[in-house]
Protein backbone atom coordinates (compact mmCIF):
# COMPACT_ATOMS: atom_id res chain seq x y z
CA UNK A 1 -3.70 -2.02 -16.76
CA UNK A 2 -2.16 -0.38 -19.73
CA UNK A 3 -3.79 0.72 -22.87
CA UNK A 4 -5.85 3.48 -24.42
CA UNK A 5 -8.70 5.19 -22.79
CA UNK A 6 -9.41 5.59 -19.15
CA UNK A 7 -7.77 3.18 -16.77
CA UNK A 8 -9.98 1.62 -14.08
CA UNK A 9 -9.38 -0.06 -10.78
CA UNK A 10 -11.82 -2.73 -9.54
CA UNK A 11 -12.31 -3.22 -5.83
CA UNK A 12 -12.30 -7.04 -5.47
CA UNK A 13 -13.64 -7.62 -1.95
CA UNK A 14 -15.53 -6.21 1.01
CA UNK A 15 -18.27 -3.62 1.10
CA UNK A 16 -17.26 -2.01 -2.21
CA UNK A 17 -16.71 -5.29 -4.04
CA UNK A 18 -17.09 -4.91 -7.82
CA UNK A 19 -16.91 -1.09 -7.75
CA UNK A 20 -14.84 0.31 -10.64
CA UNK A 21 -12.98 3.53 -10.16
CA UNK A 22 -11.10 5.64 -12.66
CA UNK A 23 -7.39 6.05 -12.00
CA UNK A 24 -5.00 8.70 -13.16
CA UNK A 25 -3.22 8.02 -16.46
CA UNK A 26 0.36 8.43 -15.38
CA UNK A 27 3.57 6.89 -16.75
CA UNK A 28 4.71 4.05 -14.48
CA UNK A 29 1.49 3.85 -12.57
CA UNK A 30 0.74 0.13 -12.21
CA UNK A 31 -1.99 -0.87 -9.80
CA UNK A 32 -1.32 -4.11 -7.97
CA UNK A 33 -2.98 -6.84 -10.09
CA UNK A 34 -6.27 -8.27 -8.96
CA UNK A 35 -4.82 -11.77 -8.44
CA UNK A 36 -1.94 -10.42 -6.36
CA UNK A 37 -4.30 -8.27 -4.26
CA UNK A 38 -6.59 -11.23 -3.69
CA UNK A 39 -3.62 -13.27 -2.40
CA UNK A 40 -2.36 -10.42 -0.27
CA UNK A 41 -5.72 -9.75 1.36
CA UNK A 42 -6.23 -13.45 2.01
CA UNK A 43 -2.91 -13.35 3.95
CA UNK A 44 -4.04 -10.19 5.85
CA UNK A 45 -7.62 -11.24 6.58
CA UNK A 46 -7.00 -12.32 10.17
CA UNK A 47 -5.49 -8.90 11.11
CA UNK A 48 -7.28 -6.51 8.76
CA UNK A 49 -10.61 -5.73 10.47
CA UNK A 50 -10.19 -2.66 12.71
CA UNK A 51 -6.63 -2.06 11.60
CA UNK A 52 -4.82 1.21 10.85
CA UNK A 53 -3.23 1.12 7.40
CA UNK A 54 -0.65 3.26 5.66
CA UNK A 55 -0.34 3.10 1.86
CA UNK A 56 2.92 4.98 1.46
CA UNK A 57 3.13 5.04 -2.40
CA UNK A 58 -0.61 4.98 -3.07
CA UNK A 59 -0.68 5.66 -6.81
CA UNK A 60 -4.05 4.27 -7.89
CA UNK A 61 -5.07 3.57 -4.27
CA UNK A 62 -5.59 -0.12 -5.06
CA UNK A 63 -4.12 -1.41 -1.77
CA UNK A 64 -5.42 1.23 0.60
CA UNK A 65 -8.95 1.35 -0.85
CA UNK A 66 -9.09 -2.49 -0.85
CA UNK A 67 -8.07 -2.44 2.83
CA UNK A 68 -10.78 0.09 3.65
CA UNK A 69 -13.39 -1.97 1.77
CA UNK A 70 -12.40 -5.08 3.75
CA UNK A 71 -12.75 -3.57 7.19
CA UNK A 72 -9.69 -1.40 8.02
CA UNK A 73 -10.63 1.21 10.60
CA UNK A 74 -8.46 3.91 9.14
CA UNK A 75 -6.41 4.25 5.93
CA UNK A 76 -3.91 7.00 5.02
CA UNK A 77 -2.91 7.26 1.35
CA UNK A 78 0.37 9.07 0.62
CA UNK A 79 0.89 10.17 -2.98
CA UNK A 80 2.95 12.89 -4.59
CA UNK A 81 1.59 12.99 -8.18
CA UNK A 82 -1.07 15.73 -8.31
CA UNK A 83 -3.31 13.95 -10.88
CA UNK A 84 -3.26 10.79 -8.73
CA UNK A 85 -4.11 12.79 -5.60
CA UNK A 86 -7.11 14.35 -7.40
CA UNK A 87 -8.29 10.93 -8.54
CA UNK A 88 -7.81 9.41 -5.06
CA UNK A 89 -9.88 12.24 -3.52
CA UNK A 90 -12.62 11.63 -6.13
CA UNK A 91 -12.60 7.88 -5.32
CA UNK A 92 -12.95 8.62 -1.59
CA UNK A 93 -15.86 11.02 -2.34
CA UNK A 94 -17.63 8.47 -4.63
CA UNK A 95 -17.20 5.64 -2.10
CA UNK A 96 -18.14 7.91 0.84
CA UNK A 97 -15.04 6.49 2.54
CA UNK A 98 -14.89 8.59 5.68
CA UNK A 99 -12.17 6.33 7.04
CA UNK A 100 -9.73 7.11 4.17
CA UNK A 101 -7.60 10.22 3.89
CA UNK A 102 -4.98 11.42 1.39
CA UNK A 103 -1.69 13.09 2.24
CA UNK A 104 -0.41 14.87 -0.87
CA UNK A 105 3.36 14.81 -1.04
CA UNK A 106 6.54 12.78 -0.98
CA UNK A 107 6.65 9.64 1.20
CA UNK A 108 9.96 10.64 2.76
CA UNK A 109 8.51 14.02 3.77
CA UNK A 110 5.45 12.26 5.27
CA UNK A 111 7.75 10.07 7.37
CA UNK A 112 9.55 13.16 8.76
CA UNK A 113 6.25 14.34 10.32
CA UNK A 114 5.18 13.31 13.79
CA UNK A 115 4.81 9.51 13.70
CA UNK A 116 1.75 7.42 14.50
CA UNK A 117 1.68 3.66 14.70
CA UNK A 118 0.10 1.71 11.90
CA UNK A 119 -0.85 -1.97 11.94
CA UNK A 120 -0.38 -2.57 8.19
CA UNK A 121 1.95 -0.68 5.89
CA UNK A 122 1.91 -1.07 2.06
CA UNK A 123 5.19 -0.35 0.30
CA UNK A 124 4.96 -0.36 -3.46
CA UNK A 125 7.25 2.42 -4.69
CA UNK A 126 8.07 2.99 -8.36
CA UNK A 127 10.15 0.07 -9.55
CA UNK A 128 13.94 0.70 -9.64
CA UNK A 129 13.51 3.81 -7.48
CA UNK A 130 15.90 2.56 -4.84
CA UNK A 131 13.60 3.85 -2.12
CA UNK A 132 12.71 0.62 -0.24
CA UNK A 133 15.82 0.30 1.87
CA UNK A 134 15.81 3.88 3.23
CA UNK A 135 12.01 3.87 3.71
CA UNK A 136 12.09 0.59 5.62
CA UNK A 137 14.79 1.97 7.93
CA UNK A 138 12.84 5.15 8.46
CA UNK A 139 9.64 3.28 9.31
CA UNK A 140 11.46 1.06 11.84
CA UNK A 141 13.36 3.88 13.60
CA UNK A 142 10.64 6.56 13.77
CA UNK A 143 7.70 4.82 15.49
CA UNK A 144 5.47 4.35 12.47
CA UNK A 145 4.65 0.68 13.15
CA UNK A 146 2.70 -1.13 15.82
CA UNK A 147 4.73 -3.75 17.67
CA UNK A 148 3.41 -6.58 15.47
CA UNK A 149 2.81 -4.60 12.29
CA UNK A 150 2.54 -6.33 8.91
CA UNK A 151 4.60 -4.83 6.09
CA UNK A 152 3.83 -5.51 2.42
CA UNK A 153 6.68 -5.03 -0.07
CA UNK A 154 6.30 -5.12 -3.83
CA UNK A 155 9.12 -4.71 -6.35
CA UNK A 156 10.25 -5.95 -9.77
CA UNK A 157 11.01 -9.67 -9.79
CA UNK A 158 14.36 -8.87 -11.41
CA UNK A 159 15.41 -6.66 -8.46
CA UNK A 160 17.29 -8.04 -5.51
CA UNK A 161 15.13 -7.75 -2.36
CA UNK A 162 16.32 -4.82 -0.30
CA UNK A 163 18.10 -5.27 3.01
CA UNK A 164 15.45 -5.07 5.67
CA UNK A 165 15.47 -4.39 9.45
CA UNK A 166 16.57 -7.52 11.32
CA UNK A 167 13.32 -7.74 13.29
CA UNK A 168 11.12 -8.08 10.16
CA UNK A 169 10.13 -11.70 9.76
CA UNK A 170 9.08 -13.02 6.35
CA UNK A 171 5.62 -14.52 6.55
CA UNK A 172 4.83 -15.13 2.89
CA UNK A 173 6.14 -14.25 -0.55
CA UNK A 174 5.26 -14.89 -4.20
CA UNK A 175 6.40 -13.98 -7.66
CA UNK A 176 3.78 -13.32 -10.34
CA UNK A 177 5.03 -12.37 -13.76
CA UNK A 178 7.37 -9.44 -13.39
CA UNK A 179 6.43 -8.71 -9.75
CA UNK A 180 7.72 -10.10 -6.47
CA UNK A 181 5.61 -9.38 -3.41
CA UNK A 182 6.09 -10.34 0.22
CA UNK A 183 4.46 -9.93 3.58
CA UNK A 184 6.56 -9.35 6.70
CA UNK A 185 5.73 -9.05 10.36
CA UNK A 186 7.59 -6.81 12.69
CA UNK A 187 8.78 -8.67 15.77
CA UNK A 188 9.68 -6.56 18.81
CA UNK A 189 12.07 -8.43 21.11
CA UNK A 190 12.12 -7.52 24.81
């Protein structure tokens, strides 16, 4: 969603379906496209209601707010850009989304805090940031994921997928334009 004027995000499903929200105008901010979100949330539908979700590089909030709209019990949005944090808080206020909270700061700092298990984790860091590998390792080692957690990864289609923990099983993947996205499931072996 590039261009002049205010950028907007459209919630595409659930209780806030069709709501349009302003998003911060920041370089590199690229909300997950509607078509990609629709595909992702079709994949997640069996496990989404009642889930605890972590959107680790929230940006516009497209993934976390969509999850909340579609029945997630709790959503935590982590974002370090101050204008984006302000816009996320305003979106939460407008939607009266009591089940969504914003943690302002760096994702790596957030993961150094006391861990809590999430059922679904969205990982969509800035393209070419090189963060995915270390973040995935940190998530796996520090107790941030439920035993059968789903992990969504999004990165540039031209990038090589990062090395991931051995117990993450690929469920689905797609490439759309310049974006590759995939859904994994954490498998805990006895």
